[in-house]
PDB file of all heavy atoms in Angstrom:
ATOM      1  N   ASN A   1      -3.492  13.063   5.165  1.00  0.00           N
ATOM      2  CA  ASN A   1      -2.656  11.915   5.381  1.00  0.00           C
ATOM      3  C   ASN A   1      -1.386  12.320   6.177  1.00  0.00           C
ATOM      4  O   ASN A   1      -0.309  11.832   5.889  1.00  0.00           O
ATOM      5  CB  ASN A   1      -2.217  11.292   4.011  1.00  0.00           C
ATOM      6  CG  ASN A   1      -1.614   9.919   4.170  1.00  0.00           C
ATOM      7  OD1 ASN A   1      -1.951   9.190   5.102  1.00  0.00           O
ATOM      8  ND2 ASN A   1      -0.715   9.579   3.285  1.00  0.00           N
ATOM      9  N   SER A   2      -1.555  13.192   7.162  1.00  0.00           N
ATOM     10  CA  SER A   2      -0.417  13.668   7.951  1.00  0.00           C
ATOM     11  C   SER A   2      -0.732  13.697   9.413  1.00  0.00           C
ATOM     12  O   SER A   2      -1.901  13.867   9.809  1.00  0.00           O
ATOM     13  CB  SER A   2      -0.055  15.127   7.505  1.00  0.00           C
ATOM     14  OG  SER A   2       0.267  15.164   6.170  1.00  0.00           O
ATOM     15  N   LEU A   3       0.294  13.607  10.228  1.00  0.00           N
ATOM     16  CA  LEU A   3       0.210  13.745  11.655  1.00  0.00           C
ATOM     17  C   LEU A   3       1.062  14.907  12.120  1.00  0.00           C
ATOM     18  O   LEU A   3       2.054  15.227  11.455  1.00  0.00           O
ATOM     19  CB  LEU A   3       0.745  12.514  12.376  1.00  0.00           C
ATOM     20  CG  LEU A   3      -0.010  11.217  12.361  1.00  0.00           C
ATOM     21  CD1 LEU A   3       0.695  10.129  13.124  1.00  0.00           C
ATOM     22  CD2 LEU A   3      -1.408  11.412  12.959  1.00  0.00           C
ATOM     23  N   LEU A   4       0.712  15.470  13.243  1.00  0.00           N
ATOM     24  CA  LEU A   4       1.538  16.457  13.932  1.00  0.00           C
ATOM     25  C   LEU A   4       1.568  16.005  15.376  1.00  0.00           C
ATOM     26  O   LEU A   4       0.543  15.721  15.946  1.00  0.00           O
ATOM     27  CB  LEU A   4       0.949  17.843  13.787  1.00  0.00           C
ATOM     28  CG  LEU A   4       1.747  18.987  14.401  1.00  0.00           C
ATOM     29  CD1 LEU A   4       1.550  20.279  13.626  1.00  0.00           C
ATOM     30  CD2 LEU A   4       1.455  19.169  15.863  1.00  0.00           C
ATOM     31  N   ALA A   5       2.773  15.882  15.956  1.00  0.00           N
ATOM     32  CA  ALA A   5       2.878  15.485  17.317  1.00  0.00           C
ATOM     33  C   ALA A   5       3.673  16.561  18.099  1.00  0.00           C
ATOM     34  O   ALA A   5       4.615  17.176  17.583  1.00  0.00           O
ATOM     35  CB  ALA A   5       3.623  14.176  17.415  1.00  0.00           C
ATOM     36  N   VAL A   6       3.258  16.748  19.343  1.00  0.00           N
ATOM     37  CA  VAL A   6       3.918  17.664  20.257  1.00  0.00           C
ATOM     38  C   VAL A   6       4.634  16.773  21.289  1.00  0.00           C
ATOM     39  O   VAL A   6       3.990  16.130  22.068  1.00  0.00           O
ATOM     40  CB  VAL A   6       2.936  18.623  20.950  1.00  0.00           C
ATOM     41  CG1 VAL A   6       3.686  19.507  21.914  1.00  0.00           C
ATOM     42  CG2 VAL A   6       2.183  19.451  19.881  1.00  0.00           C
ATOM     43  N   SER A   7       5.970  16.741  21.229  1.00  0.00           N
ATOM     44  CA  SER A   7       6.734  15.798  22.039  1.00  0.00           C
ATOM     45  C   SER A   7       6.978  16.193  23.435  1.00  0.00           C
ATOM     46  O   SER A   7       7.117  15.364  24.330  1.00  0.00           O
ATOM     47  CB  SER A   7       8.114  15.598  21.387  1.00  0.00           C
ATOM     48  OG  SER A   7       8.882  16.740  21.467  1.00  0.00           O
ATOM     49  N   GLY A   8       7.041  17.480  23.704  1.00  0.00           N
ATOM     50  CA  GLY A   8       7.566  17.991  24.987  1.00  0.00           C
ATOM     51  C   GLY A   8       8.982  18.351  24.815  1.00  0.00           C
ATOM     52  O   GLY A   8       9.659  17.944  23.820  1.00  0.00           O
ATOM     53  N   VAL A   9       9.541  19.168  25.724  1.00  0.00           N
ATOM     54  CA  VAL A   9      10.908  19.663  25.627  1.00  0.00           C
ATOM     55  C   VAL A   9      11.914  18.589  26.029  1.00  0.00           C
ATOM     56  O   VAL A   9      11.753  17.864  26.980  1.00  0.00           O
ATOM     57  CB  VAL A   9      11.054  20.907  26.482  1.00  0.00           C
ATOM     58  CG1 VAL A   9      12.485  21.423  26.511  1.00  0.00           C
ATOM     59  CG2 VAL A   9      10.114  21.983  26.008  1.00  0.00           C
ATOM     60  N   GLY A  10      13.021  18.545  25.265  1.00  0.00           N
ATOM     61  CA  GLY A  10      14.171  17.666  25.616  1.00  0.00           C
ATOM     62  C   GLY A  10      14.306  16.497  24.712  1.00  0.00           C
ATOM     63  O   GLY A  10      13.371  16.016  24.045  1.00  0.00           O
ATOM     64  N   MET A  11      15.537  15.987  24.701  1.00  0.00           N
ATOM     65  CA  MET A  11      15.865  14.829  23.846  1.00  0.00           C
ATOM     66  C   MET A  11      15.076  13.577  24.249  1.00  0.00           C
ATOM     67  O   MET A  11      14.625  12.793  23.352  1.00  0.00           O
ATOM     68  CB  MET A  11      17.352  14.542  23.816  1.00  0.00           C
ATOM     69  CG  MET A  11      18.117  15.527  22.988  1.00  0.00           C
ATOM     70  SD  MET A  11      19.859  15.049  22.826  1.00  0.00           S
ATOM     71  CE  MET A  11      20.560  15.725  24.316  1.00  0.00           C
ATOM     72  N   LEU A  12      14.946  13.317  25.536  1.00  0.00           N
ATOM     73  CA  LEU A  12      14.225  12.120  25.978  1.00  0.00           C
ATOM     74  C   LEU A  12      12.740  12.165  25.560  1.00  0.00           C
ATOM     75  O   LEU A  12      12.217  11.217  25.000  1.00  0.00           O
ATOM     76  CB  LEU A  12      14.364  11.913  27.486  1.00  0.00           C
ATOM     77  CG  LEU A  12      13.644  10.737  28.064  1.00  0.00           C
ATOM     78  CD1 LEU A  12      14.137   9.445  27.408  1.00  0.00           C
ATOM     79  CD2 LEU A  12      13.758  10.680  29.556  1.00  0.00           C
ATOM     80  N   SER A  13      12.085  13.281  25.814  1.00  0.00           N
ATOM     81  CA  SER A  13      10.680  13.411  25.416  1.00  0.00           C
ATOM     82  C   SER A  13      10.511  13.230  23.898  1.00  0.00           C
ATOM     83  O   SER A  13       9.596  12.579  23.483  1.00  0.00           O
ATOM     84  CB  SER A  13      10.126  14.797  25.844  1.00  0.00           C
ATOM     85  OG  SER A  13      10.104  14.933  27.217  1.00  0.00           O
ATOM     86  N   ALA A  14      11.393  13.892  23.159  1.00  0.00           N
ATOM     87  CA  ALA A  14      11.327  13.777  21.693  1.00  0.00           C
ATOM     88  C   ALA A  14      11.528  12.366  21.242  1.00  0.00           C
ATOM     89  O   ALA A  14      10.837  11.852  20.366  1.00  0.00           O
ATOM     90  CB  ALA A  14      12.342  14.753  21.043  1.00  0.00           C
ATOM     91  N   ALA A  15      12.547  11.666  21.803  1.00  0.00           N
ATOM     92  CA  ALA A  15      12.803  10.277  21.452  1.00  0.00           C
ATOM     93  C   ALA A  15      11.625   9.348  21.756  1.00  0.00           C
ATOM     94  O   ALA A  15      11.270   8.506  20.957  1.00  0.00           O
ATOM     95  CB  ALA A  15      14.069   9.789  22.147  1.00  0.00           C
ATOM     96  N   LEU A  16      11.032   9.556  22.921  1.00  0.00           N
ATOM     97  CA  LEU A  16       9.914   8.704  23.288  1.00  0.00           C
ATOM     98  C   LEU A  16       8.701   8.969  22.409  1.00  0.00           C
ATOM     99  O   LEU A  16       8.005   8.057  21.996  1.00  0.00           O
ATOM    100  CB  LEU A  16       9.567   8.942  24.751  1.00  0.00           C
ATOM    101  CG  LEU A  16      10.547   8.400  25.751  1.00  0.00           C
ATOM    102  CD1 LEU A  16      10.167   8.889  27.157  1.00  0.00           C
ATOM    103  CD2 LEU A  16      10.648   6.913  25.718  1.00  0.00           C
ATOM    104  N   CYS A  17       8.453  10.239  22.044  1.00  0.00           N
ATOM    105  CA  CYS A  17       7.385  10.605  21.157  1.00  0.00           C
ATOM    106  C   CYS A  17       7.524   9.904  19.812  1.00  0.00           C
ATOM    107  O   CYS A  17       6.581   9.359  19.274  1.00  0.00           O
ATOM    108  CB  CYS A  17       7.253  12.105  20.995  1.00  0.00           C
ATOM    109  SG  CYS A  17       5.935  12.679  19.956  1.00  0.00           S
ATOM    110  N   VAL A  18       8.739   9.958  19.250  1.00  0.00           N
ATOM    111  CA  VAL A  18       9.017   9.335  17.978  1.00  0.00           C
ATOM    112  C   VAL A  18       8.776   7.825  18.054  1.00  0.00           C
ATOM    113  O   VAL A  18       8.175   7.260  17.174  1.00  0.00           O
ATOM    114  CB  VAL A  18      10.428   9.725  17.518  1.00  0.00           C
ATOM    115  CG1 VAL A  18      10.877   8.809  16.386  1.00  0.00           C
ATOM    116  CG2 VAL A  18      10.480  11.149  17.092  1.00  0.00           C
ATOM    117  N   GLN A  19       9.266   7.220  19.101  1.00  0.00           N
ATOM    118  CA  GLN A  19       9.057   5.749  19.277  1.00  0.00           C
ATOM    119  C   GLN A  19       7.553   5.484  19.270  1.00  0.00           C
ATOM    120  O   GLN A  19       7.091   4.534  18.560  1.00  0.00           O
ATOM    121  CB  GLN A  19       9.647   5.268  20.590  1.00  0.00           C
ATOM    122  CG  GLN A  19      11.155   5.290  20.645  1.00  0.00           C
ATOM    123  CD  GLN A  19      11.774   4.010  19.998  1.00  0.00           C
ATOM    124  OE1 GLN A  19      11.171   2.945  20.039  1.00  0.00           O
ATOM    125  NE2 GLN A  19      12.892   4.222  19.378  1.00  0.00           N
ATOM    126  N   TYR A  20       6.809   6.292  19.969  1.00  0.00           N
ATOM    127  CA  TYR A  20       5.380   6.059  20.080  1.00  0.00           C
ATOM    128  C   TYR A  20       4.666   6.235  18.706  1.00  0.00           C
ATOM    129  O   TYR A  20       3.920   5.334  18.328  1.00  0.00           O
ATOM    130  CB  TYR A  20       4.807   7.106  21.091  1.00  0.00           C
ATOM    131  CG  TYR A  20       3.288   7.013  21.235  1.00  0.00           C
ATOM    132  CD1 TYR A  20       2.763   5.935  21.933  1.00  0.00           C
ATOM    133  CD2 TYR A  20       2.489   7.926  20.690  1.00  0.00           C
ATOM    134  CE1 TYR A  20       1.355   5.866  22.111  1.00  0.00           C
ATOM    135  CE2 TYR A  20       1.121   7.910  20.838  1.00  0.00           C
ATOM    136  CZ  TYR A  20       0.527   6.824  21.545  1.00  0.00           C
ATOM    137  OH  TYR A  20      -0.812   6.743  21.709  1.00  0.00           O
ATOM    138  N   ILE A  21       4.919   7.302  18.020  1.00  0.00           N
ATOM    139  CA  ILE A  21       4.195   7.527  16.757  1.00  0.00           C
ATOM    140  C   ILE A  21       4.594   6.613  15.671  1.00  0.00           C
ATOM    141  O   ILE A  21       3.820   6.169  14.842  1.00  0.00           O
ATOM    142  CB  ILE A  21       4.139   9.009  16.321  1.00  0.00           C
ATOM    143  CG1 ILE A  21       5.508   9.522  15.915  1.00  0.00           C
ATOM    144  CG2 ILE A  21       3.513   9.912  17.360  1.00  0.00           C
ATOM    145  CD1 ILE A  21       5.505  10.831  15.157  1.00  0.00           C
ATOM    146  N   VAL A  22       5.861   6.293  15.613  1.00  0.00           N
ATOM    147  CA  VAL A  22       6.378   5.391  14.494  1.00  0.00           C
ATOM    148  C   VAL A  22       5.768   4.012  14.745  1.00  0.00           C
ATOM    149  O   VAL A  22       5.396   3.300  13.746  1.00  0.00           O
ATOM    150  CB  VAL A  22       7.914   5.350  14.467  1.00  0.00           C
ATOM    151  CG1 VAL A  22       8.392   4.232  13.552  1.00  0.00           C
ATOM    152  CG2 VAL A  22       8.418   6.708  13.933  1.00  0.00           C
ATOM    153  N   ARG A  23       5.668   3.538  15.991  1.00  0.00           N
ATOM    154  CA  ARG A  23       5.128   2.229  16.226  1.00  0.00           C
ATOM    155  C   ARG A  23       3.626   2.199  16.088  1.00  0.00           C
ATOM    156  O   ARG A  23       3.088   1.162  15.708  1.00  0.00           O
ATOM    157  CB  ARG A  23       5.523   1.789  17.646  1.00  0.00           C
ATOM    158  CG  ARG A  23       7.004   1.407  17.681  1.00  0.00           C
ATOM    159  CD  ARG A  23       7.402   0.840  19.032  1.00  0.00           C
ATOM    160  NE  ARG A  23       8.709   0.229  18.930  1.00  0.00           N
ATOM    161  CZ  ARG A  23       9.663   0.392  19.836  1.00  0.00           C
ATOM    162  NH1 ARG A  23       9.459   1.193  20.866  1.00  0.00           N
ATOM    163  NH2 ARG A  23      10.811  -0.162  19.693  1.00  0.00           N
ATOM    164  N   LYS A  24       2.919   3.295  16.360  1.00  0.00           N
ATOM    165  CA  LYS A  24       1.456   3.308  16.365  1.00  0.00           C
ATOM    166  C   LYS A  24       0.898   3.646  14.961  1.00  0.00           C
ATOM    167  O   LYS A  24      -0.134   3.138  14.579  1.00  0.00           O
ATOM    168  CB  LYS A  24       0.898   4.321  17.366  1.00  0.00           C
ATOM    169  CG  LYS A  24      -0.589   4.281  17.412  1.00  0.00           C
ATOM    170  CD  LYS A  24      -1.115   4.936  18.646  1.00  0.00           C
ATOM    171  CE  LYS A  24      -2.632   4.793  18.649  1.00  0.00           C
ATOM    172  NZ  LYS A  24      -3.259   5.181  19.866  1.00  0.00           N
ATOM    173  N   PHE A  25       1.593   4.477  14.209  1.00  0.00           N
ATOM    174  CA  PHE A  25       1.130   4.940  12.916  1.00  0.00           C
ATOM    175  C   PHE A  25       2.114   4.524  11.818  1.00  0.00           C
ATOM    176  O   PHE A  25       3.242   4.264  12.033  1.00  0.00           O
ATOM    177  CB  PHE A  25       0.939   6.485  12.897  1.00  0.00           C
ATOM    178  CG  PHE A  25       0.030   6.962  13.940  1.00  0.00           C
ATOM    179  CD1 PHE A  25       0.571   7.448  15.183  1.00  0.00           C
ATOM    180  CD2 PHE A  25      -1.311   6.973  13.832  1.00  0.00           C
ATOM    181  CE1 PHE A  25      -0.270   7.908  16.192  1.00  0.00           C
ATOM    182  CE2 PHE A  25      -2.144   7.402  14.820  1.00  0.00           C
ATOM    183  CZ  PHE A  25      -1.654   7.891  16.033  1.00  0.00           C
ATOM    184  N   ASP A  26       1.633   4.492  10.625  1.00  0.00           N
ATOM    185  CA  ASP A  26       2.471   4.095   9.482  1.00  0.00           C
ATOM    186  C   ASP A  26       3.193   5.354   8.938  1.00  0.00           C
ATOM    187  O   ASP A  26       2.735   5.966   7.977  1.00  0.00           O
ATOM    188  CB  ASP A  26       1.614   3.454   8.391  1.00  0.00           C
ATOM    189  CG  ASP A  26       2.429   2.951   7.209  1.00  0.00           C
ATOM    190  OD1 ASP A  26       3.597   2.620   7.419  1.00  0.00           O
ATOM    191  OD2 ASP A  26       1.841   2.881   6.119  1.00  0.00           O
ATOM    192  N   ILE A  27       4.292   5.721   9.585  1.00  0.00           N
ATOM    193  CA  ILE A  27       5.043   6.933   9.244  1.00  0.00           C
ATOM    194  C   ILE A  27       6.113   6.598   8.175  1.00  0.00           C
ATOM    195  O   ILE A  27       6.919   5.715   8.387  1.00  0.00           O
ATOM    196  CB  ILE A  27       5.715   7.527  10.491  1.00  0.00           C
ATOM    197  CG1 ILE A  27       4.714   7.738  11.630  1.00  0.00           C
ATOM    198  CG2 ILE A  27       6.472   8.764  10.143  1.00  0.00           C
ATOM    199  CD1 ILE A  27       3.616   8.750  11.343  1.00  0.00           C
ATOM    200  N   SER A  28       6.036   7.324   7.084  1.00  0.00           N
ATOM    201  CA  SER A  28       6.984   7.125   6.035  1.00  0.00           C
ATOM    202  C   SER A  28       8.014   8.293   5.914  1.00  0.00           C
ATOM    203  O   SER A  28       9.133   8.122   5.448  1.00  0.00           O
ATOM    204  CB  SER A  28       6.284   6.936   4.678  1.00  0.00           C
ATOM    205  OG  SER A  28       5.513   8.119   4.390  1.00  0.00           O
ATOM    206  N   GLU A  29       7.600   9.490   6.319  1.00  0.00           N
ATOM    207  CA  GLU A  29       8.458  10.679   6.295  1.00  0.00           C
ATOM    208  C   GLU A  29       8.252  11.472   7.564  1.00  0.00           C
ATOM    209  O   GLU A  29       7.137  11.515   8.116  1.00  0.00           O
ATOM    210  CB  GLU A  29       8.121  11.580   5.100  1.00  0.00           C
ATOM    211  CG  GLU A  29       8.437  10.974   3.760  1.00  0.00           C
ATOM    212  CD  GLU A  29       8.072  11.952   2.644  1.00  0.00           C
ATOM    213  OE1 GLU A  29       8.741  13.003   2.597  1.00  0.00           O
ATOM    214  OE2 GLU A  29       7.187  11.640   1.885  1.00  0.00           O
ATOM    215  N   MET A  30       9.333  12.143   8.038  1.00  0.00           N
ATOM    216  CA  MET A  30       9.180  12.859   9.278  1.00  0.00           C
ATOM    217  C   MET A  30       9.958  14.216   9.132  1.00  0.00           C
ATOM    218  O   MET A  30      11.062  14.217   8.577  1.00  0.00           O
ATOM    219  CB  MET A  30       9.769  12.084  10.452  1.00  0.00           C
ATOM    220  CG  MET A  30       9.466  12.715  11.785  1.00  0.00           C
ATOM    221  SD  MET A  30       9.964  11.652  13.181  1.00  0.00           S
ATOM    222  CE  MET A  30       8.809  10.327  12.992  1.00  0.00           C
ATOM    223  N   LEU A  31       9.387  15.238   9.752  1.00  0.00           N
ATOM    224  CA  LEU A  31       9.971  16.578   9.833  1.00  0.00           C
ATOM    225  C   LEU A  31      10.048  16.976  11.293  1.00  0.00           C
ATOM    226  O   LEU A  31       9.022  16.884  12.013  1.00  0.00           O
ATOM    227  CB  LEU A  31       9.161  17.578   9.032  1.00  0.00           C
ATOM    228  CG  LEU A  31       9.547  19.057   9.168  1.00  0.00           C
ATOM    229  CD1 LEU A  31      10.859  19.324   8.466  1.00  0.00           C
ATOM    230  CD2 LEU A  31       8.416  19.989   8.677  1.00  0.00           C
ATOM    231  N   ASN A  32      11.146  17.466  11.720  1.00  0.00           N
ATOM    232  CA  ASN A  32      11.280  18.091  13.044  1.00  0.00           C
ATOM    233  C   ASN A  32      11.335  19.611  12.763  1.00  0.00           C
ATOM    234  O   ASN A  32      12.268  20.078  12.087  1.00  0.00           O
ATOM    235  CB  ASN A  32      12.552  17.621  13.777  1.00  0.00           C
ATOM    236  CG  ASN A  32      12.772  18.490  15.037  1.00  0.00           C
ATOM    237  OD1 ASN A  32      13.908  18.944  15.212  1.00  0.00           O
ATOM    238  ND2 ASN A  32      11.825  18.641  15.874  1.00  0.00           N
ATOM    239  N   ALA A  33      10.373  20.355  13.275  1.00  0.00           N
ATOM    240  CA  ALA A  33      10.292  21.771  13.022  1.00  0.00           C
ATOM    241  C   ALA A  33      10.215  22.458  14.371  1.00  0.00           C
ATOM    242  O   ALA A  33       9.637  21.937  15.342  1.00  0.00           O
ATOM    243  CB  ALA A  33       9.110  22.145  12.139  1.00  0.00           C
ATOM    244  N   GLY A  34      10.770  23.672  14.468  1.00  0.00           N
ATOM    245  CA  GLY A  34      10.636  24.401  15.667  1.00  0.00           C
ATOM    246  C   GLY A  34      11.712  25.490  15.811  1.00  0.00           C
ATOM    247  O   GLY A  34      12.359  25.853  14.881  1.00  0.00           O
ATOM    248  N   ALA A  35      11.861  25.987  17.072  1.00  0.00           N
ATOM    249  CA  ALA A  35      12.747  27.075  17.347  1.00  0.00           C
ATOM    250  C   ALA A  35      14.168  26.564  17.648  1.00  0.00           C
ATOM    251  O   ALA A  35      14.338  25.438  18.095  1.00  0.00           O
ATOM    252  CB  ALA A  35      12.193  27.900  18.532  1.00  0.00           C
ATOM    253  N   CYS A  36      15.129  27.443  17.441  1.00  0.00           N
ATOM    254  CA  CYS A  36      16.492  27.140  17.808  1.00  0.00           C
ATOM    255  C   CYS A  36      17.217  28.417  18.196  1.00  0.00           C
ATOM    256  O   CYS A  36      16.785  29.532  17.870  1.00  0.00           O
ATOM    257  CB  CYS A  36      17.251  26.445  16.662  1.00  0.00           C
ATOM    258  SG  CYS A  36      17.638  27.535  15.223  1.00  0.00           S
ATOM    259  N   GLY A  37      18.327  28.221  18.878  1.00  0.00           N
ATOM    260  CA  GLY A  37      19.150  29.411  19.209  1.00  0.00           C
ATOM    261  C   GLY A  37      20.287  29.518  18.230  1.00  0.00           C
ATOM    262  O   GLY A  37      20.784  28.550  17.700  1.00  0.00           O
ATOM    263  N   ILE A  38      20.711  30.760  17.994  1.00  0.00           N
ATOM    264  CA  ILE A  38      21.861  31.031  17.100  1.00  0.00           C
ATOM    265  C   ILE A  38      23.129  30.976  18.013  1.00  0.00           C
ATOM    266  O   ILE A  38      23.133  31.615  19.025  1.00  0.00           O
ATOM    267  CB  ILE A  38      21.725  32.433  16.486  1.00  0.00           C
ATOM    268  CG1 ILE A  38      20.470  32.512  15.612  1.00  0.00           C
ATOM    269  CG2 ILE A  38      22.965  32.746  15.620  1.00  0.00           C
ATOM    270  CD1 ILE A  38      20.148  33.938  15.184  1.00  0.00           C
ATOM    271  N   LEU A  39      24.105  30.279  17.507  1.00  0.00           N
ATOM    272  CA  LEU A  39      25.364  30.160  18.316  1.00  0.00           C
ATOM    273  C   LEU A  39      26.440  31.097  17.834  1.00  0.00           C
ATOM    274  O   LEU A  39      27.309  31.505  18.598  1.00  0.00           O
ATOM    275  CB  LEU A  39      25.863  28.720  18.262  1.00  0.00           C
ATOM    276  CG  LEU A  39      24.981  27.703  18.927  1.00  0.00           C
ATOM    277  CD1 LEU A  39      25.496  26.302  18.699  1.00  0.00           C
ATOM    278  CD2 LEU A  39      24.887  27.986  20.435  1.00  0.00           C
ATOM    279  N   GLY A  40      26.459  31.404  16.556  1.00  0.00           N
ATOM    280  CA  GLY A  40      27.537  32.239  16.006  1.00  0.00           C
ATOM    281  C   GLY A  40      26.934  33.479  15.323  1.00  0.00           C
ATOM    282  O   GLY A  40      26.067  34.121  15.796  1.00  0.00           O
ATOM    283  N   LYS A  41      27.488  33.706  14.121  1.00  0.00           N
ATOM    284  CA  LYS A  41      27.092  34.901  13.382  1.00  0.00           C
ATOM    285  C   LYS A  41      26.196  34.537  12.186  1.00  0.00           C
ATOM    286  O   LYS A  41      25.996  35.376  11.320  1.00  0.00           O
ATOM    287  CB  LYS A  41      28.363  35.656  12.936  1.00  0.00           C
ATOM    288  CG  LYS A  41      29.186  36.143  14.080  1.00  0.00           C
ATOM    289  CD  LYS A  41      30.361  36.926  13.580  1.00  0.00           C
ATOM    290  CE  LYS A  41      31.352  37.321  14.620  1.00  0.00           C
ATOM    291  NZ  LYS A  41      30.977  37.863  15.810  1.00  0.00           N
TER     292      LYS A  41
END
């Protein structure tokens, strides 16, 4: 009962992907997972 979507890089791609899956599927919970850069210590 889960989906996994690959949005593409960037805020616009991610925003469009979310619009697409939320409108097409009955999404009740969402997780954004992935890599990040460390800025400090």
